[in-house]
């Protein structure tokens, strides 16, 4: 006969599933609005100011309430600030172009 002794099963065969955390909604929205703001600022004459500003606000809220989603809210903050800066640069450029066109046509 063999001396094989089967090990008894553990008292709890399955470990409890970890509690699912809340989705980082603010951080995700910040990321989406930041990317949208950059795209709109580059291609639609600086209209990305509002989505960029929303990305900045949501990014700061996400930083405070969702610290585990650092990559998303940080990217949302960066792209939001870039979108706002690009929109301002585009607006200044358009104002200069309009001003130069107006000055040259008045002569």
PDB file of N, CA and C in Angstrom:
ATOM      1  N   UNK A   1       0.812  -1.172   0.000  1.00  0.00           N
ATOM      2  CA  UNK A   1       0.000   0.000   0.000  1.00  0.00           C
ATOM      3  C   UNK A   1       0.863   1.246   0.000  1.00  0.00           C
ATOM      4  N   UNK A   2       0.314   2.283  -0.484  1.00  0.00           N
ATOM      5  CA  UNK A   2       1.031   3.542  -0.585  1.00  0.00           C
ATOM      6  C   UNK A   2       0.775   4.383   0.656  1.00  0.00           C
ATOM      7  N   UNK A   3       1.738   5.260   0.998  1.00  0.00           N
ATOM      8  CA  UNK A   3       1.585   6.140   2.157  1.00  0.00           C
ATOM      9  C   UNK A   3       1.009   7.499   1.750  1.00  0.00           C
ATOM     10  N   UNK A   4       0.408   7.577   0.577  1.00  0.00           N
ATOM     11  CA  UNK A   4      -0.136   8.836   0.066  1.00  0.00           C
ATOM     12  C   UNK A   4      -1.328   9.254   0.905  1.00  0.00           C
ATOM     13  N   UNK A   5      -1.262  10.467   1.415  1.00  0.00           N
ATOM     14  CA  UNK A   5      -2.363  11.024   2.197  1.00  0.00           C
ATOM     15  C   UNK A   5      -2.845  12.288   1.482  1.00  0.00           C
ATOM     16  N   UNK A   6      -4.036  12.302   0.954  1.00  0.00           N
ATOM     17  CA  UNK A   6      -4.508  13.521   0.287  1.00  0.00           C
ATOM     18  C   UNK A   6      -4.665  14.648   1.306  1.00  0.00           C
ATOM     19  N   UNK A   7      -4.340  15.866   0.853  1.00  0.00           N
ATOM     20  CA  UNK A   7      -4.481  17.020   1.742  1.00  0.00           C
ATOM     21  C   UNK A   7      -5.946  17.400   1.816  1.00  0.00           C
ATOM     22  N   UNK A   8      -6.425  17.763   2.944  1.00  0.00           N
ATOM     23  CA  UNK A   8      -7.844  18.132   3.044  1.00  0.00           C
ATOM     24  C   UNK A   8      -8.080  19.469   2.334  1.00  0.00           C
ATOM     25  N   UNK A   9      -9.259  19.648   1.792  1.00  0.00           N
ATOM     26  CA  UNK A   9      -9.551  20.916   1.114  1.00  0.00           C
ATOM     27  C   UNK A   9      -9.565  22.061   2.116  1.00  0.00           C
ATOM     28  N   UNK A  10      -9.215  23.253   1.666  1.00  0.00           N
ATOM     29  CA  UNK A  10      -9.257  24.401   2.587  1.00  0.00           C
ATOM     30  C   UNK A  10     -10.691  24.670   3.015  1.00  0.00           C
ATOM     31  N   UNK A  11     -10.825  25.321   4.141  1.00  0.00           N
ATOM     32  CA  UNK A  11     -12.170  25.584   4.662  1.00  0.00           C
ATOM     33  C   UNK A  11     -12.936  26.562   3.769  1.00  0.00           C
ATOM     34  N   UNK A  12     -12.236  27.486   3.150  1.00  0.00           N
ATOM     35  CA  UNK A  12     -12.870  28.394   2.189  1.00  0.00           C
ATOM     36  C   UNK A  12     -12.191  28.180   0.852  1.00  0.00           C
ATOM     37  N   UNK A  13     -12.834  27.486  -0.064  1.00  0.00           N
ATOM     38  CA  UNK A  13     -12.171  27.161  -1.320  1.00  0.00           C
ATOM     39  C   UNK A  13     -11.906  28.366  -2.210  1.00  0.00           C
ATOM     40  N   UNK A  14     -12.686  29.420  -2.054  1.00  0.00           N
ATOM     41  CA  UNK A  14     -12.496  30.586  -2.909  1.00  0.00           C
ATOM     42  C   UNK A  14     -12.254  31.807  -2.035  1.00  0.00           C
ATOM     43  N   UNK A  15     -11.282  32.571  -2.439  1.00  0.00           N
ATOM     44  CA  UNK A  15     -11.032  33.822  -1.730  1.00  0.00           C
ATOM     45  C   UNK A  15     -12.105  34.818  -2.144  1.00  0.00           C
ATOM     46  N   UNK A  16     -12.516  35.681  -1.261  1.00  0.00           N
ATOM     47  CA  UNK A  16     -13.536  36.664  -1.646  1.00  0.00           C
ATOM     48  C   UNK A  16     -12.984  37.601  -2.719  1.00  0.00           C
ATOM     49  N   UNK A  17     -13.840  37.946  -3.643  1.00  0.00           N
ATOM     50  CA  UNK A  17     -13.436  38.851  -4.723  1.00  0.00           C
ATOM     51  C   UNK A  17     -13.178  40.228  -4.139  1.00  0.00           C
ATOM     52  N   UNK A  18     -12.145  40.896  -4.639  1.00  0.00           N
ATOM     53  CA  UNK A  18     -11.909  42.254  -4.141  1.00  0.00           C
ATOM     54  C   UNK A  18     -13.062  43.168  -4.536  1.00  0.00           C
ATOM     55  N   UNK A  19     -13.369  44.086  -3.663  1.00  0.00           N
ATOM     56  CA  UNK A  19     -14.450  45.024  -3.950  1.00  0.00           C
ATOM     57  C   UNK A  19     -14.062  45.893  -5.141  1.00  0.00           C
ATOM     58  N   UNK A  20     -14.976  45.978  -6.086  1.00  0.00           N
ATOM     59  CA  UNK A  20     -14.671  46.793  -7.264  1.00  0.00           C
ATOM     60  C   UNK A  20     -14.791  48.260  -6.890  1.00  0.00           C
ATOM     61  N   UNK A  21     -13.764  49.014  -7.242  1.00  0.00           N
ATOM     62  CA  UNK A  21     -13.758  50.433  -6.927  1.00  0.00           C
ATOM     63  C   UNK A  21     -14.612  51.209  -7.901  1.00  0.00           C
ATOM     64  N   UNK A  22     -14.883  52.437  -7.555  1.00  0.00           N
ATOM     65  CA  UNK A  22     -15.645  53.299  -8.450  1.00  0.00           C
ATOM     66  C   UNK A  22     -14.815  53.616  -9.679  1.00  0.00           C
ATOM     67  N   UNK A  23     -15.483  53.771 -10.786  1.00  0.00           N
ATOM     68  CA  UNK A  23     -14.792  54.183 -12.000  1.00  0.00           C
ATOM     69  C   UNK A  23     -14.326  55.629 -11.837  1.00  0.00           C
ATOM     70  N   UNK A  24     -13.151  55.937 -12.348  1.00  0.00           N
ATOM     71  CA  UNK A  24     -12.656  57.317 -12.243  1.00  0.00           C
ATOM     72  C   UNK A  24     -13.289  58.212 -13.308  1.00  0.00           C
ATOM     73  N   UNK A  25     -14.573  58.515 -13.137  1.00  0.00           N
ATOM     74  CA  UNK A  25     -15.342  59.230 -14.149  1.00  0.00           C
ATOM     75  C   UNK A  25     -14.772  60.620 -14.409  1.00  0.00           C
ATOM     76  N   UNK A  26     -14.422  61.348 -13.358  1.00  0.00           N
ATOM     77  CA  UNK A  26     -13.904  62.709 -13.540  1.00  0.00           C
ATOM     78  C   UNK A  26     -12.598  62.697 -14.327  1.00  0.00           C
ATOM     79  N   UNK A  27     -11.745  61.731 -14.026  1.00  0.00           N
ATOM     80  CA  UNK A  27     -10.457  61.644 -14.723  1.00  0.00           C
ATOM     81  C   UNK A  27     -10.648  61.270 -16.180  1.00  0.00           C
ATOM     82  N   UNK A  28     -11.572  60.364 -16.450  1.00  0.00           N
ATOM     83  CA  UNK A  28     -11.848  59.970 -17.838  1.00  0.00           C
ATOM     84  C   UNK A  28     -12.412  61.149 -18.620  1.00  0.00           C
ATOM     85  N   UNK A  29     -13.357  61.871 -18.020  1.00  0.00           N
ATOM     86  CA  UNK A  29     -13.927  63.041 -18.703  1.00  0.00           C
ATOM     87  C   UNK A  29     -12.864  64.116 -18.928  1.00  0.00           C
ATOM     88  N   UNK A  30     -11.987  64.310 -17.971  1.00  0.00           N
ATOM     89  CA  UNK A  30     -10.905  65.274 -18.134  1.00  0.00           C
ATOM     90  C   UNK A  30     -10.031  64.901 -19.322  1.00  0.00           C
ATOM     91  N   UNK A  31      -9.693  63.638 -19.421  1.00  0.00           N
ATOM     92  CA  UNK A  31      -8.875  63.162 -20.534  1.00  0.00           C
ATOM     93  C   UNK A  31      -9.583  63.375 -21.867  1.00  0.00           C
ATOM     94  N   UNK A  32     -10.860  63.032 -21.948  1.00  0.00           N
ATOM     95  CA  UNK A  32     -11.622  63.180 -23.194  1.00  0.00           C
ATOM     96  C   UNK A  32     -11.725  64.646 -23.594  1.00  0.00           C
ATOM     97  N   UNK A  33     -12.103  65.507 -22.640  1.00  0.00           N
ATOM     98  CA  UNK A  33     -12.240  66.930 -22.957  1.00  0.00           C
ATOM     99  C   UNK A  33     -10.898  67.561 -23.315  1.00  0.00           C
ATOM    100  N   UNK A  34      -9.824  67.114 -22.692  1.00  0.00           N
ATOM    101  CA  UNK A  34      -8.506  67.653 -23.027  1.00  0.00           C
ATOM    102  C   UNK A  34      -8.104  67.321 -24.450  1.00  0.00           C
ATOM    103  N   UNK A  35      -8.290  66.071 -24.842  1.00  0.00           N
ATOM    104  CA  UNK A  35      -7.961  65.675 -26.217  1.00  0.00           C
ATOM    105  C   UNK A  35      -8.859  66.407 -27.208  1.00  0.00           C
ATOM    106  N   UNK A  36     -10.156  66.475 -26.906  1.00  0.00           N
ATOM    107  CA  UNK A  36     -11.094  67.184 -27.777  1.00  0.00           C
ATOM    108  C   UNK A  36     -10.713  68.659 -27.903  1.00  0.00           C
ATOM    109  N   UNK A  37     -10.315  69.269 -26.798  1.00  0.00           N
ATOM    110  CA  UNK A  37      -9.923  70.680 -26.835  1.00  0.00           C
ATOM    111  C   UNK A  37      -8.706  70.926 -27.696  1.00  0.00           C
ATOM    112  N   UNK A  38      -7.706  70.038 -27.612  1.00  0.00           N
ATOM    113  CA  UNK A  38      -6.504  70.198 -28.448  1.00  0.00           C
ATOM    114  C   UNK A  38      -6.870  70.068 -29.916  1.00  0.00           C
ATOM    115  N   UNK A  39      -7.665  69.072 -30.254  1.00  0.00           N
ATOM    116  CA  UNK A  39      -8.047  68.860 -31.659  1.00  0.00           C
ATOM    117  C   UNK A  39      -8.844  70.050 -32.177  1.00  0.00           C
ATOM    118  N   UNK A  40      -9.804  70.529 -31.391  1.00  0.00           N
ATOM    119  CA  UNK A  40     -10.600  71.675 -31.840  1.00  0.00           C
ATOM    120  C   UNK A  40      -9.769  72.947 -31.934  1.00  0.00           C
ATOM    121  N   UNK A  41      -8.849  73.139 -31.025  1.00  0.00           N
ATOM    122  CA  UNK A  41      -8.002  74.337 -31.079  1.00  0.00           C
ATOM    123  C   UNK A  41      -7.106  74.331 -32.306  1.00  0.00           C
ATOM    124  N   UNK A  42      -6.638  73.163 -32.696  1.00  0.00           N
ATOM    125  CA  UNK A  42      -5.752  73.087 -33.852  1.00  0.00           C
ATOM    126  C   UNK A  42      -6.493  73.223 -35.178  1.00  0.00           C
ATOM    127  N   UNK A  43      -7.674  72.646 -35.267  1.00  0.00           N
ATOM    128  CA  UNK A  43      -8.308  72.528 -36.575  1.00  0.00           C
ATOM    129  C   UNK A  43      -9.558  73.380 -36.766  1.00  0.00           C
ATOM    130  N   UNK A  44     -10.114  73.951 -35.725  1.00  0.00           N
ATOM    131  CA  UNK A  44     -11.335  74.744 -35.887  1.00  0.00           C
ATOM    132  C   UNK A  44     -11.193  76.132 -35.277  1.00  0.00           C
ATOM    133  N   UNK A  45     -10.117  76.811 -35.576  1.00  0.00           N
ATOM    134  CA  UNK A  45      -9.907  78.218 -35.227  1.00  0.00           C
ATOM    135  C   UNK A  45     -10.075  78.520 -33.745  1.00  0.00           C
ATOM    136  N   UNK A  46      -9.491  77.717 -32.905  1.00  0.00           N
ATOM    137  CA  UNK A  46      -9.451  78.025 -31.489  1.00  0.00           C
ATOM    138  C   UNK A  46     -10.729  77.762 -30.729  1.00  0.00           C
ATOM    139  N   UNK A  47     -11.580  76.881 -31.236  1.00  0.00           N
ATOM    140  CA  UNK A  47     -12.838  76.595 -30.533  1.00  0.00           C
ATOM    141  C   UNK A  47     -12.651  75.583 -29.404  1.00  0.00           C
ATOM    142  N   UNK A  48     -11.434  75.173 -29.133  1.00  0.00           N
ATOM    143  CA  UNK A  48     -11.185  74.210 -28.073  1.00  0.00           C
ATOM    144  C   UNK A  48     -10.999  74.819 -26.707  1.00  0.00           C
ATOM    145  N   UNK A  49     -11.263  76.111 -26.575  1.00  0.00           N
ATOM    146  CA  UNK A  49     -11.074  76.772 -25.283  1.00  0.00           C
ATOM    147  C   UNK A  49     -11.990  76.185 -24.213  1.00  0.00           C
ATOM    148  N   UNK A  50     -13.286  76.061 -24.513  1.00  0.00           N
ATOM    149  CA  UNK A  50     -14.226  75.563 -23.506  1.00  0.00           C
ATOM    150  C   UNK A  50     -13.976  74.106 -23.120  1.00  0.00           C
ATOM    151  N   UNK A  51     -13.777  73.188 -24.090  1.00  0.00           N
ATOM    152  CA  UNK A  51     -13.434  71.823 -23.654  1.00  0.00           C
ATOM    153  C   UNK A  51     -12.113  71.769 -22.893  1.00  0.00           C
ATOM    154  N   UNK A  52     -11.159  72.613 -23.270  1.00  0.00           N
ATOM    155  CA  UNK A  52      -9.885  72.651 -22.555  1.00  0.00           C
ATOM    156  C   UNK A  52     -10.054  73.132 -21.126  1.00  0.00           C
ATOM    157  N   UNK A  53     -10.868  74.171 -20.953  1.00  0.00           N
ATOM    158  CA  UNK A  53     -11.132  74.677 -19.606  1.00  0.00           C
ATOM    159  C   UNK A  53     -11.872  73.630 -18.772  1.00  0.00           C
ATOM    160  N   UNK A  54     -12.814  72.918 -19.399  1.00  0.00           N
ATOM    161  CA  UNK A  54     -13.528  71.848 -18.688  1.00  0.00           C
ATOM    162  C   UNK A  54     -12.554  70.739 -18.288  1.00  0.00           C
ATOM    163  N   UNK A  55     -11.597  70.426 -19.158  1.00  0.00           N
ATOM    164  CA  UNK A  55     -10.608  69.392 -18.847  1.00  0.00           C
ATOM    165  C   UNK A  55      -9.758  69.796 -17.649  1.00  0.00           C
ATOM    166  N   UNK A  56      -9.404  71.060 -17.571  1.00  0.00           N
ATOM    167  CA  UNK A  56      -8.598  71.543 -16.444  1.00  0.00           C
ATOM    168  C   UNK A  56      -9.386  71.432 -15.141  1.00  0.00           C
ATOM    169  N   UNK A  57     -10.631  71.881 -15.159  1.00  0.00           N
ATOM    170  CA  UNK A  57     -11.458  71.820 -13.944  1.00  0.00           C
ATOM    171  C   UNK A  57     -11.677  70.364 -13.524  1.00  0.00           C
ATOM    172  N   UNK A  58     -12.043  69.513 -14.483  1.00  0.00           N
ATOM    173  CA  UNK A  58     -12.276  68.106 -14.161  1.00  0.00           C
ATOM    174  C   UNK A  58     -10.986  67.411 -13.732  1.00  0.00           C
ATOM    175  N   UNK A  59      -9.862  67.824 -14.294  1.00  0.00           N
ATOM    176  CA  UNK A  59      -8.585  67.254 -13.894  1.00  0.00           C
ATOM    177  C   UNK A  59      -8.239  67.565 -12.445  1.00  0.00           C
ATOM    178  N   UNK A  60      -8.489  68.802 -12.034  1.00  0.00           N
ATOM    179  CA  UNK A  60      -8.219  69.157 -10.642  1.00  0.00           C
ATOM    180  C   UNK A  60      -9.200  68.453  -9.693  1.00  0.00           C
ATOM    181  N   UNK A  61     -10.449  68.309 -10.118  1.00  0.00           N
ATOM    182  CA  UNK A  61     -11.406  67.556  -9.299  1.00  0.00           C
ATOM    183  C   UNK A  61     -11.002  66.083  -9.210  1.00  0.00           C
ATOM    184  N   UNK A  62     -10.569  65.535 -10.340  1.00  0.00           N
ATOM    185  CA  UNK A  62     -10.119  64.148 -10.347  1.00  0.00           C
ATOM    186  C   UNK A  62      -8.886  63.942  -9.484  1.00  0.00           C
ATOM    187  N   UNK A  63      -7.999  64.909  -9.467  1.00  0.00           N
ATOM    188  CA  UNK A  63      -6.797  64.810  -8.634  1.00  0.00           C
ATOM    189  C   UNK A  63      -7.162  64.713  -7.158  1.00  0.00           C
ATOM    190  N   UNK A  64      -8.190  65.440  -6.777  1.00  0.00           N
ATOM    191  CA  UNK A  64      -8.589  65.447  -5.375  1.00  0.00           C
ATOM    192  C   UNK A  64      -9.423  64.213  -5.014  1.00  0.00           C
ATOM    193  N   UNK A  65     -10.332  63.809  -5.899  1.00  0.00           N
ATOM    194  CA  UNK A  65     -11.267  62.742  -5.549  1.00  0.00           C
ATOM    195  C   UNK A  65     -10.851  61.363  -6.053  1.00  0.00           C
ATOM    196  N   UNK A  66      -9.984  61.295  -7.059  1.00  0.00           N
ATOM    197  CA  UNK A  66      -9.600  60.009  -7.655  1.00  0.00           C
ATOM    198  C   UNK A  66      -8.080  59.915  -7.797  1.00  0.00           C
ATOM    199  N   UNK A  67      -7.356  59.902  -6.686  1.00  0.00           N
ATOM    200  CA  UNK A  67      -5.891  59.909  -6.786  1.00  0.00           C
ATOM    201  C   UNK A  67      -5.327  58.640  -7.433  1.00  0.00           C
ATOM    202  N   UNK A  68      -6.091  57.540  -7.446  1.00  0.00           N
ATOM    203  CA  UNK A  68      -5.594  56.300  -8.030  1.00  0.00           C
ATOM    204  C   UNK A  68      -5.542  56.386  -9.558  1.00  0.00           C
ATOM    205  N   UNK A  69      -6.245  57.336 -10.166  1.00  0.00           N
ATOM    206  CA  UNK A  69      -6.284  57.471 -11.621  1.00  0.00           C
ATOM    207  C   UNK A  69      -5.361  58.598 -12.074  1.00  0.00           C
ATOM    208  N   UNK A  70      -4.166  58.649 -11.510  1.00  0.00           N
ATOM    209  CA  UNK A  70      -3.243  59.765 -11.748  1.00  0.00           C
ATOM    210  C   UNK A  70      -2.915  59.953 -13.222  1.00  0.00           C
ATOM    211  N   UNK A  71      -2.728  58.874 -13.951  1.00  0.00           N
ATOM    212  CA  UNK A  71      -2.363  58.998 -15.363  1.00  0.00           C
ATOM    213  C   UNK A  71      -3.419  59.712 -16.179  1.00  0.00           C
ATOM    214  N   UNK A  72      -4.678  59.428 -15.890  1.00  0.00           N
ATOM    215  CA  UNK A  72      -5.759  60.037 -16.671  1.00  0.00           C
ATOM    216  C   UNK A  72      -5.974  61.494 -16.309  1.00  0.00           C
ATOM    217  N   UNK A  73      -6.048  61.809 -15.002  1.00  0.00           N
ATOM    218  CA  UNK A  73      -6.297  63.215 -14.680  1.00  0.00           C
ATOM    219  C   UNK A  73      -5.105  64.091 -14.995  1.00  0.00           C
ATOM    220  N   UNK A  74      -3.904  63.539 -14.890  1.00  0.00           N
ATOM    221  CA  UNK A  74      -2.728  64.333 -15.229  1.00  0.00           C
ATOM    222  C   UNK A  74      -2.680  64.617 -16.732  1.00  0.00           C
ATOM    223  N   UNK A  75      -2.983  63.617 -17.534  1.00  0.00           N
ATOM    224  CA  UNK A  75      -3.027  63.823 -18.985  1.00  0.00           C
ATOM    225  C   UNK A  75      -4.145  64.794 -19.342  1.00  0.00           C
ATOM    226  N   UNK A  76      -5.284  64.696 -18.650  1.00  0.00           N
ATOM    227  CA  UNK A  76      -6.372  65.639 -18.883  1.00  0.00           C
ATOM    228  C   UNK A  76      -5.977  67.064 -18.538  1.00  0.00           C
ATOM    229  N   UNK A  77      -5.260  67.225 -17.428  1.00  0.00           N
ATOM    230  CA  UNK A  77      -4.778  68.569 -17.063  1.00  0.00           C
ATOM    231  C   UNK A  77      -3.825  69.133 -18.113  1.00  0.00           C
ATOM    232  N   UNK A  78      -2.864  68.308 -18.530  1.00  0.00           N
ATOM    233  CA  UNK A  78      -1.869  68.782 -19.498  1.00  0.00           C
ATOM    234  C   UNK A  78      -2.529  69.139 -20.819  1.00  0.00           C
ATOM    235  N   UNK A  79      -3.367  68.230 -21.347  1.00  0.00           N
ATOM    236  CA  UNK A  79      -4.002  68.515 -22.631  1.00  0.00           C
ATOM    237  C   UNK A  79      -4.992  69.665 -22.503  1.00  0.00           C
ATOM    238  N   UNK A  80      -5.618  69.824 -21.350  1.00  0.00           N
ATOM    239  CA  UNK A  80      -6.519  70.952 -21.148  1.00  0.00           C
ATOM    240  C   UNK A  80      -5.789  72.285 -21.183  1.00  0.00           C
ATOM    241  N   UNK A  81      -4.643  72.358 -20.485  1.00  0.00           N
ATOM    242  CA  UNK A  81      -3.853  73.595 -20.520  1.00  0.00           C
ATOM    243  C   UNK A  81      -3.314  73.866 -21.924  1.00  0.00           C
ATOM    244  N   UNK A  82      -2.904  72.823 -22.630  1.00  0.00           N
ATOM    245  CA  UNK A  82      -2.415  72.986 -24.002  1.00  0.00           C
ATOM    246  C   UNK A  82      -3.540  73.493 -24.897  1.00  0.00           C
ATOM    247  N   UNK A  83      -4.750  72.946 -24.744  1.00  0.00           N
ATOM    248  CA  UNK A  83      -5.887  73.384 -25.561  1.00  0.00           C
ATOM    249  C   UNK A  83      -6.213  74.852 -25.318  1.00  0.00           C
ATOM    250  N   UNK A  84      -6.196  75.267 -24.055  1.00  0.00           N
ATOM    251  CA  UNK A  84      -6.482  76.672 -23.733  1.00  0.00           C
ATOM    252  C   UNK A  84      -5.397  77.570 -24.327  1.00  0.00           C
ATOM    253  N   UNK A  85      -4.138  77.180 -24.180  1.00  0.00           N
ATOM    254  CA  UNK A  85      -3.041  77.987 -24.726  1.00  0.00           C
ATOM    255  C   UNK A  85      -3.124  78.064 -26.251  1.00  0.00           C
ATOM    256  N   UNK A  86      -3.395  76.941 -26.900  1.00  0.00           N
ATOM    257  CA  UNK A  86      -3.516  76.955 -28.363  1.00  0.00           C
ATOM    258  C   UNK A  86      -4.667  77.840 -28.819  1.00  0.00           C
ATOM    259  N   UNK A  87      -5.791  77.768 -28.117  1.00  0.00           N
ATOM    260  CA  UNK A  87      -6.936  78.600 -28.486  1.00  0.00           C
ATOM    261  C   UNK A  87      -6.584  80.081 -28.371  1.00  0.00           C
ATOM    262  N   UNK A  88      -5.889  80.459 -27.309  1.00  0.00           N
ATOM    263  CA  UNK A  88      -5.500  81.868 -27.142  1.00  0.00           C
ATOM    264  C   UNK A  88      -4.520  82.286 -28.230  1.00  0.00           C
ATOM    265  N   UNK A  89      -3.565  81.423 -28.555  1.00  0.00           N
ATOM    266  CA  UNK A  89      -2.600  81.735 -29.617  1.00  0.00           C
ATOM    267  C   UNK A  89      -3.310  81.902 -30.958  1.00  0.00           C
ATOM    268  N   UNK A  90      -4.263  81.020 -31.241  1.00  0.00           N
ATOM    269  CA  UNK A  90      -5.010  81.112 -32.503  1.00  0.00           C
ATOM    270  C   UNK A  90      -5.820  82.399 -32.531  1.00  0.00           C
ATOM    271  N   UNK A  91      -6.473  82.751 -31.412  1.00  0.00           N
ATOM    272  CA  UNK A  91      -7.248  83.995 -31.375  1.00  0.00           C
ATOM    273  C   UNK A  91      -6.357  85.207 -31.597  1.00  0.00           C
ATOM    274  N   UNK A  92      -5.183  85.238 -30.984  1.00  0.00           N
ATOM    275  CA  UNK A  92      -4.264  86.357 -31.176  1.00  0.00           C
ATOM    276  C   UNK A  92      -3.812  86.414 -32.629  1.00  0.00           C
ATOM    277  N   UNK A  93      -3.498  85.260 -33.197  1.00  0.00           N
ATOM    278  CA  UNK A  93      -3.093  85.214 -34.611  1.00  0.00           C
ATOM    279  C   UNK A  93      -4.189  85.711 -35.531  1.00  0.00           C
ATOM    280  N   UNK A  94      -5.419  85.308 -35.282  1.00  0.00           N
ATOM    281  CA  UNK A  94      -6.531  85.784 -36.110  1.00  0.00           C
ATOM    282  C   UNK A  94      -6.739  87.286 -35.949  1.00  0.00           C
ATOM    283  N   UNK A  95      -6.574  87.801 -34.719  1.00  0.00           N
ATOM    284  CA  UNK A  95      -6.728  89.239 -34.494  1.00  0.00           C
ATOM    285  C   UNK A  95      -5.650  90.019 -35.236  1.00  0.00           C
ATOM    286  N   UNK A  96      -4.430  89.498 -35.249  1.00  0.00           N
ATOM    287  CA  UNK A  96      -3.342  90.164 -35.973  1.00  0.00           C
ATOM    288  C   UNK A  96      -3.624  90.155 -37.463  1.00  0.00           C
ATOM    289  N   UNK A  97      -4.074  89.036 -37.989  1.00  0.00           N
ATOM    290  CA  UNK A  97      -4.368  88.934 -39.424  1.00  0.00           C
ATOM    291  C   UNK A  97      -5.497  89.888 -39.807  1.00  0.00           C
ATOM    292  N   UNK A  98      -6.557  89.918 -38.999  1.00  0.00           N
ATOM    293  CA  UNK A  98      -7.673  90.822 -39.288  1.00  0.00           C
ATOM    294  C   UNK A  98      -7.219  92.280 -39.181  1.00  0.00           C
ATOM    295  N   UNK A  99      -6.407  92.567 -38.173  1.00  0.00           N
ATOM    296  CA  UNK A  99      -5.901  93.933 -38.011  1.00  0.00           C
ATOM    297  C   UNK A  99      -5.021  94.366 -39.169  1.00  0.00           C
ATOM    298  N   UNK A 100      -4.145  93.462 -39.629  1.00  0.00           N
ATOM    299  CA  UNK A 100      -3.307  93.804 -40.777  1.00  0.00           C
ATOM    300  C   UNK A 100      -4.116  93.942 -42.048  1.00  0.00           C
ATOM    301  N   UNK A 101      -5.120  93.097 -42.229  1.00  0.00           N
ATOM    302  CA  UNK A 101      -5.969  93.200 -43.415  1.00  0.00           C
ATOM    303  C   UNK A 101      -6.762  94.496 -43.392  1.00  0.00           C
ATOM    304  N   UNK A 102      -7.242  94.880 -42.226  1.00  0.00           N
ATOM    305  CA  UNK A 102      -7.991  96.140 -42.110  1.00  0.00           C
ATOM    306  C   UNK A 102      -7.095  97.346 -42.337  1.00  0.00           C
ATOM    307  N   UNK A 103      -5.864  97.281 -41.846  1.00  0.00           N
ATOM    308  CA  UNK A 103      -4.946  98.419 -42.014  1.00  0.00           C
ATOM    309  C   UNK A 103      -4.510  98.571 -43.462  1.00  0.00           C
ATOM    310  N   UNK A 104      -4.313  97.442 -44.148  1.00  0.00           N
ATOM    311  CA  UNK A 104      -3.870  97.542 -45.559  1.00  0.00           C
ATOM    312  C   UNK A 104      -5.003  97.924 -46.482  1.00  0.00           C
ATOM    313  N   UNK A 105      -6.240  97.636 -46.124  1.00  0.00           N
ATOM    314  CA  UNK A 105      -7.349  97.988 -47.002  1.00  0.00           C
ATOM    315  C   UNK A 105      -7.782  99.428 -46.816  1.00  0.00           C
ATOM    316  N   UNK A 106      -7.420 100.062 -45.712  1.00  0.00           N
ATOM    317  CA  UNK A 106      -7.826 101.453 -45.468  1.00  0.00           C
ATOM    318  C   UNK A 106      -6.933 102.453 -46.183  1.00  0.00           C
ATOM    319  N   UNK A 107      -5.803 102.009 -46.697  1.00  0.00           N
ATOM    320  CA  UNK A 107      -4.895 102.931 -47.397  1.00  0.00           C
ATOM    321  C   UNK A 107      -5.374 103.201 -48.746  1.00  0.00           C
TER     322      UNK A 107
END
